Structures are given as C-alpha cells and as structure tokens.
Amino acid sequence: MTDIEIRKIASEKELEEAVNLIKNTFLKCDGPLYTEEGIKAFFDYIDDAENLRDAEFAGAYEGDALVGVLGTVNSKKHIMAFFVRADRLGKGIGKKLFCNLLSETGSNACITVNAAPYATEIYHKLGFVDTGKMRTDGGIIFTPMIYRGKE
C-alpha cells in the first residue's frame, strides 16, 4: 500500500469529489439494504448545501486519489459521513481518518454517529458502543453510537 495522507478538504472541487465518493460507496455498501425512499433521503442529506456548509471534511489521499472521507459536525462531535472507497476497504484507511479526528479533538473526546448497518461492526472496532437499537427514520437505517474516548 502506498502512503495515505490525511488532509482537510477545503476547495469546492475537493468537496464535490468527496460527495461523489460518499454517494458511490453508499450505493455499493449500504444501498442494497435501503428502499428507494432511504436512498433518496440519504442523497438529499448529503447534497444539502447547508449540511455541507456546517460540516468539516477530512480526506484520505493515496497519491492524488481520494480514497476516504470523514465528515463531522457540531465542532467535530458528530460524524455525519465516514466512507472509504469500496475497493480500498480493509486497508486501514478508515482507522487513519479516525485517528486523525482524535488527534484534532483529543483522545478523551466524546463523538457520536448514526451508524449505517454496513458500518456498525467497523465502529465497534474503533471503540464505539451502541446507545440504542437499529432503527429507520425517513428511510435511513442506523444504530446510534458513541465513542467516549480514553480516560
């Protein structure tokens, strides 16, 4: 594996590329579990200009190629999007993105996420615990989770 560089997604072009990665990966990994309503609701959420404006995104780059994205809101206290390109899963890219987030927020940070079914076990491996049961809201399937940091 080539080196992975984590850096802030700052330009409109980088953000557009990040949104495309999120949508394509969602369709491959989570899409098969969703109804048409759920897919539309997710795309509406990720395309919403206000949601994007309120979020901070970090990208994982392998050379010039964007291979992962981590988006947060609420001063990096809630993960709103966390996707690694489907053909790059299992290479430690997501862990690097998450470790970068912890380096910015502190290892004792509390971070929440509404984990998609495909990602629940991945979040468990990162140290998240369920705070509720899997549910569906407006077609979006998720399990609420929290990372409580290291005391």
N, C-alpha and C. Protein backbone atom coordinates (compact mmCIF):
# COMPACT_ATOMS: atom_id res chain seq x y z
N MET A 1 0.85 -1.18 0.00
CA MET A 1 0.00 0.00 0.00
C MET A 1 0.89 1.24 0.00
N THR A 2 0.52 2.18 -0.83
CA THR A 2 1.24 3.44 -0.82
C THR A 2 0.84 4.23 0.42
N ASP A 3 1.60 5.26 0.72
CA ASP A 3 1.30 6.08 1.88
C ASP A 3 -0.03 6.80 1.72
N ILE A 4 -0.74 6.92 2.83
CA ILE A 4 -2.01 7.64 2.88
C ILE A 4 -1.78 8.96 3.58
N GLU A 5 -2.17 10.02 2.94
CA GLU A 5 -2.07 11.36 3.53
C GLU A 5 -3.48 11.82 3.91
N ILE A 6 -3.65 12.28 5.15
CA ILE A 6 -4.93 12.82 5.60
C ILE A 6 -4.82 14.34 5.58
N ARG A 7 -5.77 14.97 4.90
CA ARG A 7 -5.75 16.43 4.88
C ARG A 7 -7.18 16.97 4.78
N LYS A 8 -7.33 18.21 5.20
CA LYS A 8 -8.63 18.87 5.17
C LYS A 8 -9.10 19.04 3.73
N ILE A 9 -10.38 18.79 3.53
CA ILE A 9 -10.99 19.04 2.22
C ILE A 9 -11.46 20.49 2.26
N ALA A 10 -10.87 21.30 1.41
CA ALA A 10 -11.09 22.74 1.51
C ALA A 10 -11.77 23.35 0.28
N SER A 11 -11.42 22.90 -0.90
CA SER A 11 -11.93 23.55 -2.11
C SER A 11 -13.27 22.95 -2.54
N GLU A 12 -14.00 23.69 -3.34
CA GLU A 12 -15.27 23.21 -3.89
C GLU A 12 -15.06 21.94 -4.71
N LYS A 13 -13.97 21.90 -5.48
CA LYS A 13 -13.68 20.72 -6.30
C LYS A 13 -13.42 19.50 -5.42
N GLU A 14 -12.66 19.68 -4.34
CA GLU A 14 -12.40 18.57 -3.41
C GLU A 14 -13.70 18.11 -2.73
N LEU A 15 -14.55 19.06 -2.36
CA LEU A 15 -15.82 18.73 -1.73
C LEU A 15 -16.71 17.96 -2.69
N GLU A 16 -16.76 18.38 -3.93
CA GLU A 16 -17.55 17.67 -4.94
C GLU A 16 -17.04 16.23 -5.11
N GLU A 17 -15.74 16.07 -5.14
CA GLU A 17 -15.14 14.74 -5.25
C GLU A 17 -15.48 13.90 -4.01
N ALA A 18 -15.46 14.52 -2.83
CA ALA A 18 -15.80 13.81 -1.60
C ALA A 18 -17.26 13.36 -1.60
N VAL A 19 -18.16 14.22 -2.02
CA VAL A 19 -19.58 13.87 -2.08
C VAL A 19 -19.80 12.72 -3.06
N ASN A 20 -19.11 12.75 -4.19
CA ASN A 20 -19.23 11.64 -5.15
C ASN A 20 -18.72 10.33 -4.56
N LEU A 21 -17.61 10.37 -3.83
CA LEU A 21 -17.09 9.17 -3.18
C LEU A 21 -18.11 8.65 -2.16
N ILE A 22 -18.66 9.54 -1.37
CA ILE A 22 -19.66 9.16 -0.36
C ILE A 22 -20.84 8.48 -1.02
N LYS A 23 -21.39 9.08 -2.07
CA LYS A 23 -22.58 8.53 -2.72
C LYS A 23 -22.28 7.19 -3.39
N ASN A 24 -21.17 7.09 -4.09
CA ASN A 24 -20.83 5.83 -4.76
C ASN A 24 -20.59 4.71 -3.77
N THR A 25 -19.89 5.00 -2.68
CA THR A 25 -19.61 3.99 -1.67
C THR A 25 -20.89 3.59 -0.94
N PHE A 26 -21.74 4.57 -0.63
CA PHE A 26 -23.02 4.28 -0.01
C PHE A 26 -23.83 3.31 -0.87
N LEU A 27 -23.89 3.55 -2.17
CA LEU A 27 -24.67 2.68 -3.05
C LEU A 27 -24.13 1.25 -3.07
N LYS A 28 -22.80 1.12 -3.05
CA LYS A 28 -22.20 -0.22 -3.10
C LYS A 28 -22.33 -0.95 -1.77
N CYS A 29 -22.13 -0.26 -0.67
CA CYS A 29 -22.07 -0.92 0.64
C CYS A 29 -23.41 -0.95 1.37
N ASP A 30 -24.10 0.17 1.42
CA ASP A 30 -25.35 0.26 2.17
C ASP A 30 -26.59 0.24 1.29
N GLY A 31 -26.46 0.71 0.07
CA GLY A 31 -27.60 0.83 -0.83
C GLY A 31 -28.46 -0.42 -0.95
N PRO A 32 -27.86 -1.61 -1.05
CA PRO A 32 -28.69 -2.81 -1.20
C PRO A 32 -29.65 -3.05 -0.02
N LEU A 33 -29.40 -2.46 1.13
CA LEU A 33 -30.26 -2.64 2.30
C LEU A 33 -31.38 -1.59 2.36
N TYR A 34 -31.28 -0.57 1.52
CA TYR A 34 -32.18 0.56 1.60
C TYR A 34 -33.30 0.49 0.56
N THR A 35 -34.42 1.10 0.92
CA THR A 35 -35.50 1.29 -0.04
C THR A 35 -35.14 2.50 -0.92
N GLU A 36 -35.91 2.70 -1.97
CA GLU A 36 -35.72 3.89 -2.80
C GLU A 36 -35.86 5.15 -1.97
N GLU A 37 -36.82 5.15 -1.05
CA GLU A 37 -37.04 6.30 -0.16
C GLU A 37 -35.78 6.57 0.67
N GLY A 38 -35.17 5.53 1.20
CA GLY A 38 -33.98 5.69 2.03
C GLY A 38 -32.79 6.21 1.24
N ILE A 39 -32.61 5.69 0.04
CA ILE A 39 -31.51 6.16 -0.82
C ILE A 39 -31.71 7.64 -1.16
N LYS A 40 -32.94 8.00 -1.51
CA LYS A 40 -33.23 9.40 -1.83
C LYS A 40 -33.00 10.29 -0.61
N ALA A 41 -33.44 9.84 0.56
CA ALA A 41 -33.26 10.63 1.78
C ALA A 41 -31.78 10.84 2.08
N PHE A 42 -30.97 9.78 1.92
CA PHE A 42 -29.53 9.91 2.16
C PHE A 42 -28.92 10.88 1.15
N PHE A 43 -29.25 10.73 -0.12
CA PHE A 43 -28.68 11.62 -1.15
C PHE A 43 -29.12 13.06 -0.90
N ASP A 44 -30.39 13.27 -0.52
CA ASP A 44 -30.86 14.63 -0.22
C ASP A 44 -30.05 15.23 0.93
N TYR A 45 -29.78 14.42 1.96
CA TYR A 45 -29.00 14.88 3.11
C TYR A 45 -27.58 15.25 2.70
N ILE A 46 -26.92 14.38 1.94
CA ILE A 46 -25.51 14.59 1.60
C ILE A 46 -25.36 15.68 0.52
N ASP A 47 -26.41 15.96 -0.23
CA ASP A 47 -26.36 17.01 -1.25
C ASP A 47 -26.79 18.38 -0.71
N ASP A 48 -27.36 18.41 0.50
CA ASP A 48 -27.89 19.65 1.04
C ASP A 48 -26.76 20.64 1.32
N ALA A 49 -26.83 21.80 0.69
CA ALA A 49 -25.77 22.81 0.80
C ALA A 49 -25.55 23.25 2.25
N GLU A 50 -26.62 23.36 3.02
CA GLU A 50 -26.48 23.78 4.42
C GLU A 50 -25.75 22.71 5.24
N ASN A 51 -26.09 21.45 5.02
CA ASN A 51 -25.38 20.37 5.72
C ASN A 51 -23.89 20.38 5.38
N LEU A 52 -23.58 20.58 4.13
CA LEU A 52 -22.18 20.60 3.69
C LEU A 52 -21.44 21.81 4.26
N ARG A 53 -22.12 22.94 4.32
CA ARG A 53 -21.51 24.17 4.84
C ARG A 53 -21.20 24.03 6.34
N ASP A 54 -22.07 23.32 7.07
CA ASP A 54 -21.89 23.16 8.51
C ASP A 54 -20.87 22.08 8.86
N ALA A 55 -20.45 21.28 7.89
CA ALA A 55 -19.57 20.14 8.14
C ALA A 55 -18.11 20.48 7.90
N GLU A 56 -17.24 19.72 8.56
CA GLU A 56 -15.80 19.75 8.29
C GLU A 56 -15.43 18.38 7.74
N PHE A 57 -14.68 18.37 6.65
CA PHE A 57 -14.32 17.11 6.00
C PHE A 57 -12.81 16.92 5.97
N ALA A 58 -12.40 15.70 6.26
CA ALA A 58 -11.01 15.29 6.07
C ALA A 58 -11.01 14.23 4.98
N GLY A 59 -10.01 14.27 4.13
CA GLY A 59 -9.88 13.28 3.07
C GLY A 59 -8.64 12.44 3.25
N ALA A 60 -8.74 11.19 2.88
CA ALA A 60 -7.59 10.29 2.84
C ALA A 60 -7.17 10.20 1.38
N TYR A 61 -5.93 10.56 1.12
CA TYR A 61 -5.43 10.59 -0.26
C TYR A 61 -4.31 9.57 -0.42
N GLU A 62 -4.42 8.79 -1.47
CA GLU A 62 -3.38 7.85 -1.87
C GLU A 62 -2.80 8.44 -3.16
N GLY A 63 -1.67 9.11 -3.03
CA GLY A 63 -1.19 9.93 -4.15
C GLY A 63 -2.17 11.06 -4.34
N ASP A 64 -2.67 11.22 -5.57
CA ASP A 64 -3.66 12.26 -5.86
C ASP A 64 -5.09 11.75 -5.74
N ALA A 65 -5.27 10.46 -5.47
CA ALA A 65 -6.60 9.86 -5.46
C ALA A 65 -7.23 9.93 -4.07
N LEU A 66 -8.45 10.46 -4.02
CA LEU A 66 -9.22 10.47 -2.78
C LEU A 66 -9.77 9.06 -2.56
N VAL A 67 -9.43 8.46 -1.42
CA VAL A 67 -9.86 7.08 -1.15
C VAL A 67 -10.73 6.97 0.10
N GLY A 68 -10.86 8.06 0.86
CA GLY A 68 -11.70 8.04 2.05
C GLY A 68 -12.08 9.43 2.48
N VAL A 69 -13.22 9.53 3.18
CA VAL A 69 -13.75 10.81 3.64
C VAL A 69 -14.34 10.64 5.02
N LEU A 70 -14.06 11.60 5.89
CA LEU A 70 -14.68 11.65 7.21
C LEU A 70 -15.23 13.06 7.39
N GLY A 71 -16.54 13.16 7.53
CA GLY A 71 -17.19 14.45 7.73
C GLY A 71 -17.79 14.55 9.11
N THR A 72 -17.57 15.68 9.78
CA THR A 72 -18.10 15.89 11.12
C THR A 72 -18.87 17.20 11.21
N VAL A 73 -19.73 17.27 12.20
CA VAL A 73 -20.48 18.49 12.52
C VAL A 73 -20.41 18.70 14.03
N ASN A 74 -20.97 19.80 14.49
CA ASN A 74 -21.01 20.12 15.93
C ASN A 74 -19.62 20.13 16.54
N SER A 75 -18.73 20.89 15.94
CA SER A 75 -17.36 21.02 16.44
C SER A 75 -16.66 19.66 16.54
N LYS A 76 -16.86 18.85 15.53
CA LYS A 76 -16.25 17.51 15.41
C LYS A 76 -16.75 16.53 16.47
N LYS A 77 -17.96 16.76 16.98
CA LYS A 77 -18.53 15.87 18.00
C LYS A 77 -19.49 14.85 17.42
N HIS A 78 -19.85 14.99 16.14
CA HIS A 78 -20.76 14.03 15.50
C HIS A 78 -20.26 13.73 14.08
N ILE A 79 -20.14 12.45 13.79
CA ILE A 79 -19.74 12.03 12.44
C ILE A 79 -20.99 11.98 11.58
N MET A 80 -20.99 12.77 10.51
CA MET A 80 -22.14 12.80 9.61
C MET A 80 -21.90 11.98 8.35
N ALA A 81 -20.63 11.66 8.06
CA ALA A 81 -20.30 10.83 6.89
C ALA A 81 -18.90 10.26 7.10
N PHE A 82 -18.78 8.96 6.89
CA PHE A 82 -17.48 8.28 7.07
C PHE A 82 -17.46 7.14 6.06
N PHE A 83 -16.73 7.34 4.98
CA PHE A 83 -16.72 6.38 3.89
C PHE A 83 -15.31 6.18 3.34
N VAL A 84 -14.99 4.94 3.07
CA VAL A 84 -13.76 4.57 2.38
C VAL A 84 -14.18 3.89 1.09
N ARG A 85 -13.54 4.29 0.01
CA ARG A 85 -13.86 3.71 -1.30
C ARG A 85 -13.94 2.19 -1.20
N ALA A 86 -14.96 1.59 -1.79
CA ALA A 86 -15.24 0.16 -1.63
C ALA A 86 -14.04 -0.72 -1.99
N ASP A 87 -13.28 -0.34 -3.00
CA ASP A 87 -12.15 -1.17 -3.41
C ASP A 87 -10.92 -0.98 -2.52
N ARG A 88 -11.01 -0.10 -1.51
CA ARG A 88 -9.89 0.16 -0.60
C ARG A 88 -10.23 -0.22 0.85
N LEU A 89 -11.37 -0.85 1.06
CA LEU A 89 -11.77 -1.26 2.41
C LEU A 89 -10.80 -2.30 2.95
N GLY A 90 -10.61 -2.28 4.26
CA GLY A 90 -9.74 -3.25 4.92
C GLY A 90 -8.26 -2.94 4.82
N LYS A 91 -7.92 -1.74 4.43
CA LYS A 91 -6.52 -1.33 4.27
C LYS A 91 -6.05 -0.36 5.36
N GLY A 92 -6.90 -0.12 6.36
CA GLY A 92 -6.53 0.78 7.46
C GLY A 92 -6.78 2.25 7.18
N ILE A 93 -7.43 2.55 6.07
CA ILE A 93 -7.67 3.95 5.69
C ILE A 93 -8.66 4.61 6.65
N GLY A 94 -9.75 3.91 6.96
CA GLY A 94 -10.73 4.45 7.90
C GLY A 94 -10.13 4.69 9.27
N LYS A 95 -9.30 3.76 9.73
CA LYS A 95 -8.66 3.92 11.03
C LYS A 95 -7.76 5.15 11.03
N LYS A 96 -7.03 5.38 9.92
CA LYS A 96 -6.18 6.59 9.83
C LYS A 96 -7.04 7.86 9.90
N LEU A 97 -8.16 7.86 9.19
CA LEU A 97 -9.05 9.02 9.24
C LEU A 97 -9.56 9.25 10.66
N PHE A 98 -9.96 8.18 11.34
CA PHE A 98 -10.48 8.32 12.69
C PHE A 98 -9.39 8.76 13.66
N CYS A 99 -8.20 8.19 13.54
CA CYS A 99 -7.08 8.61 14.40
C CYS A 99 -6.75 10.08 14.17
N ASN A 100 -6.86 10.55 12.94
CA ASN A 100 -6.65 11.97 12.66
C ASN A 100 -7.70 12.81 13.38
N LEU A 101 -8.95 12.36 13.36
CA LEU A 101 -10.01 13.08 14.08
C LEU A 101 -9.68 13.14 15.58
N LEU A 102 -9.25 12.02 16.14
CA LEU A 102 -8.91 12.00 17.57
C LEU A 102 -7.73 12.91 17.87
N SER A 103 -6.78 13.00 16.94
CA SER A 103 -5.64 13.90 17.18
C SER A 103 -6.08 15.36 17.19
N GLU A 104 -7.17 15.66 16.50
CA GLU A 104 -7.68 17.03 16.47
C GLU A 104 -8.62 17.34 17.63
N THR A 105 -9.29 16.31 18.15
CA THR A 105 -10.28 16.53 19.20
C THR A 105 -9.79 16.12 20.58
N GLY A 106 -8.72 15.34 20.62
CA GLY A 106 -8.22 14.81 21.89
C GLY A 106 -8.72 13.39 22.09
N SER A 107 -7.89 12.56 22.68
CA SER A 107 -8.23 11.15 22.81
C SER A 107 -9.37 10.90 23.80
N ASN A 108 -9.74 11.92 24.60
CA ASN A 108 -10.84 11.74 25.53
C ASN A 108 -12.15 12.33 24.99
N ALA A 109 -12.21 12.60 23.70
CA ALA A 109 -13.38 13.20 23.08
C ALA A 109 -14.57 12.24 23.11
N CYS A 110 -15.77 12.80 23.19
CA CYS A 110 -17.00 12.05 23.00
C CYS A 110 -17.50 12.37 21.60
N ILE A 111 -17.67 11.33 20.79
CA ILE A 111 -18.08 11.51 19.40
C ILE A 111 -19.26 10.59 19.14
N THR A 112 -20.31 11.12 18.54
CA THR A 112 -21.48 10.32 18.22
C THR A 112 -21.56 10.06 16.73
N VAL A 113 -22.34 9.03 16.39
CA VAL A 113 -22.59 8.70 14.99
C VAL A 113 -23.90 7.92 14.91
N ASN A 114 -24.58 8.07 13.81
CA ASN A 114 -25.71 7.21 13.47
C ASN A 114 -25.19 6.25 12.42
N ALA A 115 -24.77 5.07 12.87
CA ALA A 115 -24.03 4.13 12.03
C ALA A 115 -24.96 3.35 11.10
N ALA A 116 -24.61 3.36 9.83
CA ALA A 116 -25.32 2.55 8.85
C ALA A 116 -25.06 1.07 9.14
N PRO A 117 -25.96 0.18 8.71
CA PRO A 117 -25.80 -1.24 9.00
C PRO A 117 -24.44 -1.80 8.59
N TYR A 118 -23.94 -1.41 7.45
CA TYR A 118 -22.66 -1.93 6.96
C TYR A 118 -21.50 -1.53 7.87
N ALA A 119 -21.63 -0.38 8.52
CA ALA A 119 -20.51 0.19 9.27
C ALA A 119 -20.54 -0.11 10.77
N THR A 120 -21.61 -0.69 11.27
CA THR A 120 -21.74 -0.88 12.72
C THR A 120 -20.56 -1.63 13.32
N GLU A 121 -20.16 -2.74 12.74
CA GLU A 121 -19.03 -3.51 13.27
C GLU A 121 -17.72 -2.75 13.15
N ILE A 122 -17.57 -1.97 12.12
CA ILE A 122 -16.37 -1.15 11.95
C ILE A 122 -16.28 -0.13 13.09
N TYR A 123 -17.40 0.51 13.40
CA TYR A 123 -17.41 1.46 14.52
C TYR A 123 -17.10 0.76 15.84
N HIS A 124 -17.64 -0.45 16.03
CA HIS A 124 -17.31 -1.21 17.25
C HIS A 124 -15.81 -1.41 17.37
N LYS A 125 -15.15 -1.75 16.27
CA LYS A 125 -13.70 -1.97 16.28
C LYS A 125 -12.94 -0.69 16.62
N LEU A 126 -13.51 0.46 16.30
CA LEU A 126 -12.88 1.74 16.61
C LEU A 126 -13.14 2.18 18.05
N GLY A 127 -14.00 1.45 18.77
CA GLY A 127 -14.26 1.77 20.17
C GLY A 127 -15.63 2.39 20.45
N PHE A 128 -16.49 2.45 19.46
CA PHE A 128 -17.84 2.98 19.65
C PHE A 128 -18.71 1.91 20.31
N VAL A 129 -19.71 2.35 21.07
CA VAL A 129 -20.70 1.45 21.65
C VAL A 129 -22.10 1.95 21.24
N ASP A 130 -23.01 1.00 21.12
CA ASP A 130 -24.39 1.32 20.76
C ASP A 130 -25.04 2.09 21.91
N THR A 131 -25.83 3.09 21.56
CA THR A 131 -26.62 3.81 22.56
C THR A 131 -28.11 3.57 22.36
N GLY A 132 -28.44 2.76 21.38
CA GLY A 132 -29.83 2.41 21.09
C GLY A 132 -29.84 1.28 20.08
N LYS A 133 -31.04 0.84 19.75
CA LYS A 133 -31.21 -0.25 18.79
C LYS A 133 -31.27 0.31 17.37
N MET A 134 -30.96 -0.55 16.39
CA MET A 134 -31.07 -0.15 14.99
C MET A 134 -32.51 0.28 14.72
N ARG A 135 -32.63 1.38 13.99
CA ARG A 135 -33.96 1.86 13.64
C ARG A 135 -33.93 2.50 12.26
N THR A 136 -35.11 2.84 11.77
CA THR A 136 -35.26 3.51 10.48
C THR A 136 -36.01 4.81 10.69
N ASP A 137 -35.47 5.88 10.13
CA ASP A 137 -36.09 7.20 10.24
C ASP A 137 -36.07 7.83 8.86
N GLY A 138 -37.23 8.03 8.27
CA GLY A 138 -37.31 8.62 6.94
C GLY A 138 -36.61 7.78 5.88
N GLY A 139 -36.55 6.47 6.10
CA GLY A 139 -35.89 5.59 5.15
C GLY A 139 -34.42 5.34 5.45
N ILE A 140 -33.86 6.12 6.37
CA ILE A 140 -32.44 5.96 6.74
C ILE A 140 -32.36 4.92 7.87
N ILE A 141 -31.54 3.89 7.67
CA ILE A 141 -31.35 2.83 8.66
C ILE A 141 -30.07 3.13 9.43
N PHE A 142 -30.16 3.12 10.76
CA PHE A 142 -28.95 3.42 11.55
C PHE A 142 -29.06 2.89 12.97
N THR A 143 -27.90 2.75 13.58
CA THR A 143 -27.78 2.45 15.00
C THR A 143 -27.07 3.63 15.65
N PRO A 144 -27.68 4.29 16.64
CA PRO A 144 -26.98 5.39 17.31
C PRO A 144 -25.83 4.83 18.15
N MET A 145 -24.68 5.49 18.08
CA MET A 145 -23.48 5.02 18.77
C MET A 145 -22.70 6.19 19.33
N ILE A 146 -21.80 5.88 20.28
CA ILE A 146 -20.94 6.90 20.86
C ILE A 146 -19.55 6.34 21.10
N TYR A 147 -18.56 7.22 20.92
CA TYR A 147 -17.18 6.94 21.30
C TYR A 147 -16.90 7.84 22.49
N ARG A 148 -16.55 7.25 23.60
CA ARG A 148 -16.36 8.02 24.83
C ARG A 148 -14.92 8.38 25.11
N GLY A 149 -14.02 8.03 24.26
CA GLY A 149 -12.63 8.40 24.45
C GLY A 149 -11.96 7.57 25.52
N LYS A 150 -10.72 7.88 25.72
CA LYS A 150 -9.92 7.17 26.70
C LYS A 150 -9.70 8.09 27.89
N GLU A 151 -10.10 7.64 29.02
CA GLU A 151 -9.97 8.43 30.25
C GLU A 151 -8.52 8.45 30.71
